[in-house]
PDB file of N, CA and C in Angstrom:
ATOM      1  N   MET A   1     112.146 106.447  98.802  1.00  0.00           N
ATOM      2  CA  MET A   1     112.301 107.089  97.510  1.00  0.00           C
ATOM      3  C   MET A   1     111.323 108.261  97.373  1.00  0.00           C
ATOM      4  N   VAL A   2     110.084 108.073  97.808  1.00  0.00           N
ATOM      5  CA  VAL A   2     109.089 109.139  97.709  1.00  0.00           C
ATOM      6  C   VAL A   2     109.476 110.301  98.614  1.00  0.00           C
ATOM      7  N   ARG A   3     109.996 109.993  99.804  1.00  0.00           N
ATOM      8  CA  ARG A   3     110.415 111.038 100.739  1.00  0.00           C
ATOM      9  C   ARG A   3     111.560 111.855 100.139  1.00  0.00           C
ATOM     10  N   TRP A   4     112.460 111.200  99.472  1.00  0.00           N
ATOM     11  CA  TRP A   4     113.597 111.868  98.848  1.00  0.00           C
ATOM     12  C   TRP A   4     113.122 112.839  97.758  1.00  0.00           C
ATOM     13  N   ILE A   5     112.188 112.399  96.942  1.00  0.00           N
ATOM     14  CA  ILE A   5     111.651 113.262  95.882  1.00  0.00           C
ATOM     15  C   ILE A   5     110.921 114.450  96.487  1.00  0.00           C
ATOM     16  N   MET A   6     110.168 114.221  97.552  1.00  0.00           N
ATOM     17  CA  MET A   6     109.458 115.321  98.204  1.00  0.00           C
ATOM     18  C   MET A   6     110.440 116.333  98.798  1.00  0.00           C
ATOM     19  N   GLN A   7     111.548 115.866  99.349  1.00  0.00           N
ATOM     20  CA  GLN A   7     112.547 116.778  99.901  1.00  0.00           C
ATOM     21  C   GLN A   7     113.185 117.622  98.792  1.00  0.00           C
ATOM     22  N   ILE A   8     113.448 117.006  97.663  1.00  0.00           N
ATOM     23  CA  ILE A   8     114.043 117.739  96.550  1.00  0.00           C
ATOM     24  C   ILE A   8     113.065 118.776  96.010  1.00  0.00           C
ATOM     25  N   LEU A   9     111.819 118.376  95.843  1.00  0.00           N
ATOM     26  CA  LEU A   9     110.813 119.326  95.355  1.00  0.00           C
ATOM     27  C   LEU A   9     110.619 120.478  96.334  1.00  0.00           C
ATOM     28  N   ALA A  10     110.675 120.177  97.632  1.00  0.00           N
ATOM     29  CA  ALA A  10     110.552 121.235  98.636  1.00  0.00           C
ATOM     30  C   ALA A  10     111.742 122.191  98.561  1.00  0.00           C
ATOM     31  N   ALA A  11     112.956 121.652  98.402  1.00  0.00           N
ATOM     32  CA  ALA A  11     114.146 122.512  98.313  1.00  0.00           C
ATOM     33  C   ALA A  11     114.098 123.381  97.061  1.00  0.00           C
ATOM     34  N   VAL A  12     113.728 122.800  95.934  1.00  0.00           N
ATOM     35  CA  VAL A  12     113.664 123.567  94.691  1.00  0.00           C
ATOM     36  C   VAL A  12     112.543 124.608  94.752  1.00  0.00           C
ATOM     37  N   GLY A  13     111.391 124.227  95.289  1.00  0.00           N
ATOM     38  CA  GLY A  13     110.275 125.167  95.409  1.00  0.00           C
ATOM     39  C   GLY A  13     110.586 126.312  96.357  1.00  0.00           C
ATOM     40  N   PHE A  14     111.182 125.989  97.503  1.00  0.00           N
ATOM     41  CA  PHE A  14     111.561 127.036  98.452  1.00  0.00           C
ATOM     42  C   PHE A  14     112.612 127.952  97.847  1.00  0.00           C
ATOM     43  N   GLY A  15     113.575 127.386  97.145  1.00  0.00           N
ATOM     44  CA  GLY A  15     114.606 128.193  96.494  1.00  0.00           C
ATOM     45  C   GLY A  15     114.028 129.098  95.425  1.00  0.00           C
ATOM     46  N   ALA A  16     113.085 128.576  94.641  1.00  0.00           N
ATOM     47  CA  ALA A  16     112.455 129.395  93.598  1.00  0.00           C
ATOM     48  C   ALA A  16     111.660 130.543  94.217  1.00  0.00           C
ATOM     49  N   LEU A  17     110.938 130.256  95.299  1.00  0.00           N
ATOM     50  CA  LEU A  17     110.174 131.303  95.983  1.00  0.00           C
ATOM     51  C   LEU A  17     111.100 132.357  96.574  1.00  0.00           C
ATOM     52  N   LEU A  18     112.151 131.923  97.246  1.00  0.00           N
ATOM     53  CA  LEU A  18     113.093 132.862  97.845  1.00  0.00           C
ATOM     54  C   LEU A  18     113.811 133.680  96.776  1.00  0.00           C
ATOM     55  N   GLY A  19     114.181 133.044  95.689  1.00  0.00           N
ATOM     56  CA  GLY A  19     114.814 133.761  94.590  1.00  0.00           C
ATOM     57  C   GLY A  19     113.885 134.779  93.957  1.00  0.00           C
ATOM     58  N   PHE A  20     112.606 134.425  93.815  1.00  0.00           N
ATOM     59  CA  PHE A  20     111.638 135.361  93.247  1.00  0.00           C
ATOM     60  C   PHE A  20     111.429 136.556  94.166  1.00  0.00           C
ATOM     61  N   ILE A  21     111.376 136.315  95.462  1.00  0.00           N
ATOM     62  CA  ILE A  21     111.237 137.422  96.418  1.00  0.00           C
ATOM     63  C   ILE A  21     112.462 138.325  96.349  1.00  0.00           C
ATOM     64  N   GLY A  22     113.652 137.735  96.273  1.00  0.00           N
ATOM     65  CA  GLY A  22     114.871 138.530  96.155  1.00  0.00           C
ATOM     66  C   GLY A  22     114.917 139.327  94.868  1.00  0.00           C
ATOM     67  N   LEU A  23     114.482 138.716  93.771  1.00  0.00           N
ATOM     68  CA  LEU A  23     114.443 139.419  92.495  1.00  0.00           C
ATOM     69  C   LEU A  23     113.446 140.570  92.541  1.00  0.00           C
ATOM     70  N   THR A  24     112.316 140.352  93.193  1.00  0.00           N
ATOM     71  CA  THR A  24     111.308 141.397  93.334  1.00  0.00           C
ATOM     72  C   THR A  24     111.846 142.575  94.135  1.00  0.00           C
ATOM     73  N   MET A  25     112.581 142.285  95.209  1.00  0.00           N
ATOM     74  CA  MET A  25     113.146 143.361  96.021  1.00  0.00           C
ATOM     75  C   MET A  25     114.235 144.120  95.265  1.00  0.00           C
ATOM     76  N   THR A  26     115.107 143.386  94.610  1.00  0.00           N
ATOM     77  CA  THR A  26     116.258 144.002  93.974  1.00  0.00           C
ATOM     78  C   THR A  26     115.877 144.850  92.772  1.00  0.00           C
ATOM     79  N   LEU A  27     115.014 144.345  91.928  1.00  0.00           N
ATOM     80  CA  LEU A  27     114.680 145.039  90.683  1.00  0.00           C
ATOM     81  C   LEU A  27     113.412 145.874  90.757  1.00  0.00           C
ATOM     82  N   ASN A  28     112.801 145.991  91.941  1.00  0.00           N
ATOM     83  CA  ASN A  28     111.583 146.777  92.133  1.00  0.00           C
ATOM     84  C   ASN A  28     110.454 146.282  91.224  1.00  0.00           C
ATOM     85  N   LEU A  29     110.324 144.966  91.098  1.00  0.00           N
ATOM     86  CA  LEU A  29     109.216 144.416  90.336  1.00  0.00           C
ATOM     87  C   LEU A  29     107.923 144.644  91.103  1.00  0.00           C
ATOM     88  N   PHE A  30     106.852 144.875  90.401  1.00  0.00           N
ATOM     89  CA  PHE A  30     105.516 145.069  90.976  1.00  0.00           C
ATOM     90  C   PHE A  30     105.463 146.245  91.937  1.00  0.00           C
ATOM     91  N   GLY A  31     106.401 147.196  91.834  1.00  0.00           N
ATOM     92  CA  GLY A  31     106.385 148.378  92.686  1.00  0.00           C
ATOM     93  C   GLY A  31     106.725 148.099  94.135  1.00  0.00           C
ATOM     94  N   TYR A  32     107.529 147.075  94.398  1.00  0.00           N
ATOM     95  CA  TYR A  32     107.855 146.704  95.775  1.00  0.00           C
ATOM     96  C   TYR A  32     108.555 147.847  96.517  1.00  0.00           C
ATOM     97  N   ALA A  33     109.578 148.435  95.903  1.00  0.00           N
ATOM     98  CA  ALA A  33     110.328 149.496  96.586  1.00  0.00           C
ATOM     99  C   ALA A  33     109.460 150.730  96.803  1.00  0.00           C
ATOM    100  N   ASP A  34     108.558 151.006  95.860  1.00  0.00           N
ATOM    101  CA  ASP A  34     107.659 152.152  96.018  1.00  0.00           C
ATOM    102  C   ASP A  34     106.734 151.953  97.217  1.00  0.00           C
ATOM    103  N   ALA A  35     106.161 150.762  97.333  1.00  0.00           N
ATOM    104  CA  ALA A  35     105.265 150.473  98.454  1.00  0.00           C
ATOM    105  C   ALA A  35     106.022 150.474  99.774  1.00  0.00           C
ATOM    106  N   GLU A  36     107.238 149.944  99.771  1.00  0.00           N
ATOM    107  CA  GLU A  36     108.036 149.920 100.996  1.00  0.00           C
ATOM    108  C   GLU A  36     108.440 151.337 101.402  1.00  0.00           C
ATOM    109  N   ALA A  37     108.745 152.194 100.441  1.00  0.00           N
ATOM    110  CA  ALA A  37     109.082 153.585 100.756  1.00  0.00           C
ATOM    111  C   ALA A  37     107.875 154.316 101.337  1.00  0.00           C
ATOM    112  N   ARG A  38     106.682 154.061 100.785  1.00  0.00           N
ATOM    113  CA  ARG A  38     105.472 154.675 101.352  1.00  0.00           C
ATOM    114  C   ARG A  38     105.235 154.198 102.774  1.00  0.00           C
ATOM    115  N   ARG A  39     105.433 152.896 103.007  1.00  0.00           N
ATOM    116  CA  ARG A  39     105.215 152.345 104.345  1.00  0.00           C
ATOM    117  C   ARG A  39     106.217 152.928 105.339  1.00  0.00           C
ATOM    118  N   LEU A  40     107.473 153.029 104.937  1.00  0.00           N
ATOM    119  CA  LEU A  40     108.491 153.568 105.832  1.00  0.00           C
ATOM    120  C   LEU A  40     108.313 155.059 106.084  1.00  0.00           C
ATOM    121  N   SER A  41     107.831 155.797 105.098  1.00  0.00           N
ATOM    122  CA  SER A  41     107.652 157.238 105.294  1.00  0.00           C
ATOM    123  C   SER A  41     106.476 157.535 106.217  1.00  0.00           C
ATOM    124  N   ARG A  42     105.520 156.636 106.300  1.00  0.00           N
ATOM    125  CA  ARG A  42     104.350 156.833 107.168  1.00  0.00           C
ATOM    126  C   ARG A  42     104.430 156.023 108.456  1.00  0.00           C
ATOM    127  N   ASN A  43     105.611 155.579 108.814  1.00  0.00           N
ATOM    128  CA  ASN A  43     105.798 154.756 109.995  1.00  0.00           C
ATOM    129  C   ASN A  43     105.487 155.571 111.258  1.00  0.00           C
ATOM    130  N   PRO A  44     104.559 155.090 112.104  1.00  0.00           N
ATOM    131  CA  PRO A  44     104.227 155.857 113.317  1.00  0.00           C
ATOM    132  C   PRO A  44     105.387 155.937 114.313  1.00  0.00           C
ATOM    133  N   TRP A  45     106.346 155.032 114.204  1.00  0.00           N
ATOM    134  CA  TRP A  45     107.486 155.089 115.122  1.00  0.00           C
ATOM    135  C   TRP A  45     108.409 156.257 114.809  1.00  0.00           C
ATOM    136  N   ASN A  46     108.297 156.831 113.635  1.00  0.00           N
ATOM    137  CA  ASN A  46     109.118 158.002 113.310  1.00  0.00           C
ATOM    138  C   ASN A  46     108.830 159.144 114.262  1.00  0.00           C
ATOM    139  N   ARG A  47     107.582 159.332 114.598  1.00  0.00           N
ATOM    140  CA  ARG A  47     107.215 160.411 115.522  1.00  0.00           C
ATOM    141  C   ARG A  47     107.724 160.120 116.929  1.00  0.00           C
ATOM    142  N   VAL A  48     107.680 158.847 117.315  1.00  0.00           N
ATOM    143  CA  VAL A  48     108.156 158.479 118.649  1.00  0.00           C
ATOM    144  C   VAL A  48     109.662 158.714 118.749  1.00  0.00           C
ATOM    145  N   TRP A  49     110.398 158.369 117.717  1.00  0.00           N
ATOM    146  CA  TRP A  49     111.850 158.530 117.718  1.00  0.00           C
ATOM    147  C   TRP A  49     112.280 159.951 117.388  1.00  0.00           C
ATOM    148  N   GLY A  50     111.350 160.787 116.997  1.00  0.00           N
ATOM    149  CA  GLY A  50     111.668 162.174 116.681  1.00  0.00           C
ATOM    150  C   GLY A  50     112.191 162.372 115.273  1.00  0.00           C
ATOM    151  N   ALA A  51     112.048 161.364 114.421  1.00  0.00           N
ATOM    152  CA  ALA A  51     112.497 161.501 113.030  1.00  0.00           C
ATOM    153  C   ALA A  51     111.450 162.279 112.247  1.00  0.00           C
ATOM    154  N   PRO A  52     111.883 163.160 111.365  1.00  0.00           N
ATOM    155  CA  PRO A  52     110.895 163.933 110.593  1.00  0.00           C
ATOM    156  C   PRO A  52     110.204 163.058 109.545  1.00  0.00           C
ATOM    157  N   ASP A  53     108.968 163.423 109.223  1.00  0.00           N
ATOM    158  CA  ASP A  53     108.268 162.731 108.138  1.00  0.00           C
ATOM    159  C   ASP A  53     108.950 163.077 106.824  1.00  0.00           C
ATOM    160  N   ARG A  54     109.093 162.059 105.974  1.00  0.00           N
ATOM    161  CA  ARG A  54     109.768 162.259 104.699  1.00  0.00           C
ATOM    162  C   ARG A  54     108.836 161.872 103.567  1.00  0.00           C
ATOM    163  N   ASP A  55     109.082 162.470 102.440  1.00  0.00           N
ATOM    164  CA  ASP A  55     108.334 162.143 101.235  1.00  0.00           C
ATOM    165  C   ASP A  55     108.811 160.776 100.728  1.00  0.00           C
ATOM    166  N   PRO A  56     107.882 159.903 100.277  1.00  0.00           N
ATOM    167  CA  PRO A  56     108.317 158.593  99.768  1.00  0.00           C
ATOM    168  C   PRO A  56     109.308 158.687  98.606  1.00  0.00           C
ATOM    169  N   ALA A  57     109.153 159.679  97.741  1.00  0.00           N
ATOM    170  CA  ALA A  57     110.102 159.835  96.629  1.00  0.00           C
ATOM    171  C   ALA A  57     111.492 160.198  97.145  1.00  0.00           C
ATOM    172  N   GLU A  58     111.541 161.022  98.187  1.00  0.00           N
ATOM    173  CA  GLU A  58     112.827 161.376  98.785  1.00  0.00           C
ATOM    174  C   GLU A  58     113.470 160.157  99.445  1.00  0.00           C
ATOM    175  N   LEU A  59     112.657 159.334 100.087  1.00  0.00           N
ATOM    176  CA  LEU A  59     113.159 158.135 100.747  1.00  0.00           C
ATOM    177  C   LEU A  59     113.696 157.125  99.733  1.00  0.00           C
ATOM    178  N   ARG A  60     113.032 157.007  98.578  1.00  0.00           N
ATOM    179  CA  ARG A  60     113.506 156.092  97.528  1.00  0.00           C
ATOM    180  C   ARG A  60     114.851 156.529  96.965  1.00  0.00           C
ATOM    181  N   GLN A  61     115.143 157.820  96.996  1.00  0.00           N
ATOM    182  CA  GLN A  61     116.402 158.344  96.483  1.00  0.00           C
ATOM    183  C   GLN A  61     117.546 158.222  97.493  1.00  0.00           C
ATOM    184  N   ASP A  62     117.205 157.936  98.751  1.00  0.00           N
ATOM    185  CA  ASP A  62     118.205 157.853  99.807  1.00  0.00           C
ATOM    186  C   ASP A  62     119.151 156.685  99.555  1.00  0.00           C
ATOM    187  N   ILE A  63     120.442 156.927  99.769  1.00  0.00           N
ATOM    188  CA  ILE A  63     121.442 155.898  99.501  1.00  0.00           C
ATOM    189  C   ILE A  63     121.306 154.720 100.465  1.00  0.00           C
ATOM    190  N   GLY A  64     120.928 154.979 101.701  1.00  0.00           N
ATOM    191  CA  GLY A  64     120.758 153.901 102.673  1.00  0.00           C
ATOM    192  C   GLY A  64     119.616 152.965 102.308  1.00  0.00           C
ATOM    193  N   PHE A  65     118.524 153.527 101.819  1.00  0.00           N
ATOM    194  CA  PHE A  65     117.381 152.724 101.397  1.00  0.00           C
ATOM    195  C   PHE A  65     117.763 151.825 100.229  1.00  0.00           C
ATOM    196  N   ASN A  66     118.478 152.380  99.259  1.00  0.00           N
ATOM    197  CA  ASN A  66     118.872 151.597  98.090  1.00  0.00           C
ATOM    198  C   ASN A  66     119.896 150.522  98.429  1.00  0.00           C
ATOM    199  N   VAL A  67     120.849 150.849  99.281  1.00  0.00           N
ATOM    200  CA  VAL A  67     121.852 149.853  99.674  1.00  0.00           C
ATOM    201  C   VAL A  67     121.192 148.713 100.434  1.00  0.00           C
ATOM    202  N   ALA A  68     120.316 149.034 101.379  1.00  0.00           N
ATOM    203  CA  ALA A  68     119.629 147.992 102.145  1.00  0.00           C
ATOM    204  C   ALA A  68     118.750 147.133 101.240  1.00  0.00           C
ATOM    205  N   ARG A  69     118.082 147.760 100.288  1.00  0.00           N
ATOM    206  CA  ARG A  69     117.229 147.010  99.370  1.00  0.00           C
ATOM    207  C   ARG A  69     118.054 146.046  98.528  1.00  0.00           C
ATOM    208  N   PHE A  70     119.186 146.502  98.014  1.00  0.00           N
ATOM    209  CA  PHE A  70     120.025 145.629  97.201  1.00  0.00           C
ATOM    210  C   PHE A  70     120.691 144.538  98.031  1.00  0.00           C
ATOM    211  N   LEU A  71     121.102 144.849  99.250  1.00  0.00           N
ATOM    212  CA  LEU A  71     121.725 143.828 100.090  1.00  0.00           C
ATOM    213  C   LEU A  71     120.732 142.735 100.488  1.00  0.00           C
ATOM    214  N   VAL A  72     119.568 143.138 100.953  1.00  0.00           N
ATOM    215  CA  VAL A  72     118.569 142.154 101.379  1.00  0.00           C
ATOM    216  C   VAL A  72     118.018 141.390 100.176  1.00  0.00           C
ATOM    217  N   GLY A  73     117.682 142.109  99.121  1.00  0.00           N
ATOM    218  CA  GLY A  73     117.154 141.456  97.927  1.00  0.00           C
ATOM    219  C   GLY A  73     118.179 140.553  97.259  1.00  0.00           C
ATOM    220  N   GLY A  74     119.418 141.040  97.153  1.00  0.00           N
ATOM    221  CA  GLY A  74     120.473 140.220  96.559  1.00  0.00           C
ATOM    222  C   GLY A  74     120.803 139.008  97.398  1.00  0.00           C
ATOM    223  N   GLY A  75     120.788 139.166  98.719  1.00  0.00           N
ATOM    224  CA  GLY A  75     121.021 138.024  99.605  1.00  0.00           C
ATOM    225  C   GLY A  75     119.942 136.965  99.471  1.00  0.00           C
ATOM    226  N   ALA A  76     118.690 137.405  99.430  1.00  0.00           N
ATOM    227  CA  ALA A  76     117.589 136.457  99.255  1.00  0.00           C
ATOM    228  C   ALA A  76     117.666 135.773  97.890  1.00  0.00           C
ATOM    229  N   LEU A  77     118.039 136.523  96.873  1.00  0.00           N
ATOM    230  CA  LEU A  77     118.183 135.960  95.535  1.00  0.00           C
ATOM    231  C   LEU A  77     119.285 134.908  95.508  1.00  0.00           C
ATOM    232  N   LEU A  78     120.423 135.192  96.121  1.00  0.00           N
ATOM    233  CA  LEU A  78     121.524 134.232  96.147  1.00  0.00           C
ATOM    234  C   LEU A  78     121.194 132.988  96.971  1.00  0.00           C
ATOM    235  N   LEU A  79     120.509 133.166  98.095  1.00  0.00           N
ATOM    236  CA  LEU A  79     120.091 132.002  98.879  1.00  0.00           C
ATOM    237  C   LEU A  79     119.101 131.137  98.110  1.00  0.00           C
ATOM    238  N   GLY A  80     118.207 131.767  97.385  1.00  0.00           N
ATOM    239  CA  GLY A  80     117.256 131.018  96.568  1.00  0.00           C
ATOM    240  C   GLY A  80     117.945 130.236  95.469  1.00  0.00           C
ATOM    241  N   VAL A  81     118.910 130.864  94.822  1.00  0.00           N
ATOM    242  CA  VAL A  81     119.666 130.170  93.767  1.00  0.00           C
ATOM    243  C   VAL A  81     120.453 129.003  94.365  1.00  0.00           C
ATOM    244  N   ALA A  82     121.029 129.199  95.542  1.00  0.00           N
ATOM    245  CA  ALA A  82     121.769 128.119  96.199  1.00  0.00           C
ATOM    246  C   ALA A  82     120.853 126.951  96.547  1.00  0.00           C
ATOM    247  N   ALA A  83     119.635 127.250  97.000  1.00  0.00           N
ATOM    248  CA  ALA A  83     118.689 126.175  97.324  1.00  0.00           C
ATOM    249  C   ALA A  83     118.253 125.421  96.075  1.00  0.00           C
ATOM    250  N   VAL A  84     118.032 126.124  94.981  1.00  0.00           N
ATOM    251  CA  VAL A  84     117.655 125.459  93.726  1.00  0.00           C
ATOM    252  C   VAL A  84     118.809 124.591  93.222  1.00  0.00           C
ATOM    253  N   ILE A  85     120.020 125.112  93.255  1.00  0.00           N
ATOM    254  CA  ILE A  85     121.180 124.333  92.808  1.00  0.00           C
ATOM    255  C   ILE A  85     121.389 123.126  93.721  1.00  0.00           C
ATOM    256  N   GLY A  86     121.212 123.324  95.021  1.00  0.00           N
ATOM    257  CA  GLY A  86     121.322 122.191  95.952  1.00  0.00           C
ATOM    258  C   GLY A  86     120.280 121.124  95.679  1.00  0.00           C
ATOM    259  N   GLY A  87     119.062 121.530  95.365  1.00  0.00           N
ATOM    260  CA  GLY A  87     118.019 120.563  95.022  1.00  0.00           C
ATOM    261  C   GLY A  87     118.338 119.802  93.746  1.00  0.00           C
ATOM    262  N   ILE A  88     118.886 120.497  92.767  1.00  0.00           N
ATOM    263  CA  ILE A  88     119.252 119.830  91.516  1.00  0.00           C
ATOM    264  C   ILE A  88     120.407 118.859  91.745  1.00  0.00           C
ATOM    265  N   VAL A  89     121.373 119.242  92.567  1.00  0.00           N
ATOM    266  CA  VAL A  89     122.488 118.339  92.884  1.00  0.00           C
ATOM    267  C   VAL A  89     121.969 117.104  93.604  1.00  0.00           C
ATOM    268  N   LEU A  90     121.056 117.267  94.541  1.00  0.00           N
ATOM    269  CA  LEU A  90     120.454 116.111  95.226  1.00  0.00           C
ATOM    270  C   LEU A  90     119.702 115.228  94.255  1.00  0.00           C
ATOM    271  N   LEU A  91     119.032 115.834  93.317  1.00  0.00           N
ATOM    272  CA  LEU A  91     118.281 115.056  92.317  1.00  0.00           C
ATOM    273  C   LEU A  91     119.222 114.217  91.464  1.00  0.00           C
ATOM    274  N   VAL A  92     120.327 114.788  91.058  1.00  0.00           N
ATOM    275  CA  VAL A  92     121.274 114.075  90.202  1.00  0.00           C
ATOM    276  C   VAL A  92     122.052 113.018  90.971  1.00  0.00           C
ATOM    277  N   SER A  93     122.405 113.309  92.239  1.00  0.00           N
ATOM    278  CA  SER A  93     123.240 112.388  93.009  1.00  0.00           C
ATOM    279  C   SER A  93     122.500 111.155  93.509  1.00  0.00           C
ATOM    280  N   GLY A  94     121.211 111.194  93.576  1.00  0.00           N
ATOM    281  CA  GLY A  94     120.447 110.033  94.032  1.00  0.00           C
ATOM    282  C   GLY A  94     120.097 110.120  95.509  1.00  0.00           C
ATOM    283  N   PRO A  95     119.349 109.117  95.996  1.00  0.00           N
ATOM    284  CA  PRO A  95     118.907 109.131  97.400  1.00  0.00           C
ATOM    285  C   PRO A  95     120.089 109.069  98.365  1.00  0.00           C
ATOM    286  N   LEU A  96     119.931 109.746  99.504  1.00  0.00           N
ATOM    287  CA  LEU A  96     120.983 109.777 100.500  1.00  0.00           C
ATOM    288  C   LEU A  96     120.948 108.585 101.439  1.00  0.00           C
ATOM    289  N   ASP A  97     119.830 107.901 101.543  1.00  0.00           N
ATOM    290  CA  ASP A  97     119.748 106.777 102.467  1.00  0.00           C
ATOM    291  C   ASP A  97     119.718 105.457 101.808  1.00  0.00           C
TER     292      ASP A  97
END
């Protein structure tokens, strides 16, 4: 019984964390997209690949950056919600063993 409760709490906690990370990516909470744009614009591999240095504001306006941010953030958000819902279903259904 204790193991079952710990598994449910782990699933709900992991889902909440994953959902929060996805929400942070998608909605640019705490300046996540701004920091990621700065990091990508100063990437040392850009020089190796021959890509020109770009301004972080220009990179944030790029359609590819926004699409990737929404896809990854939205995917993480949906996986987190699925894990939380799965944990709640396990809690309601009772122990599996």
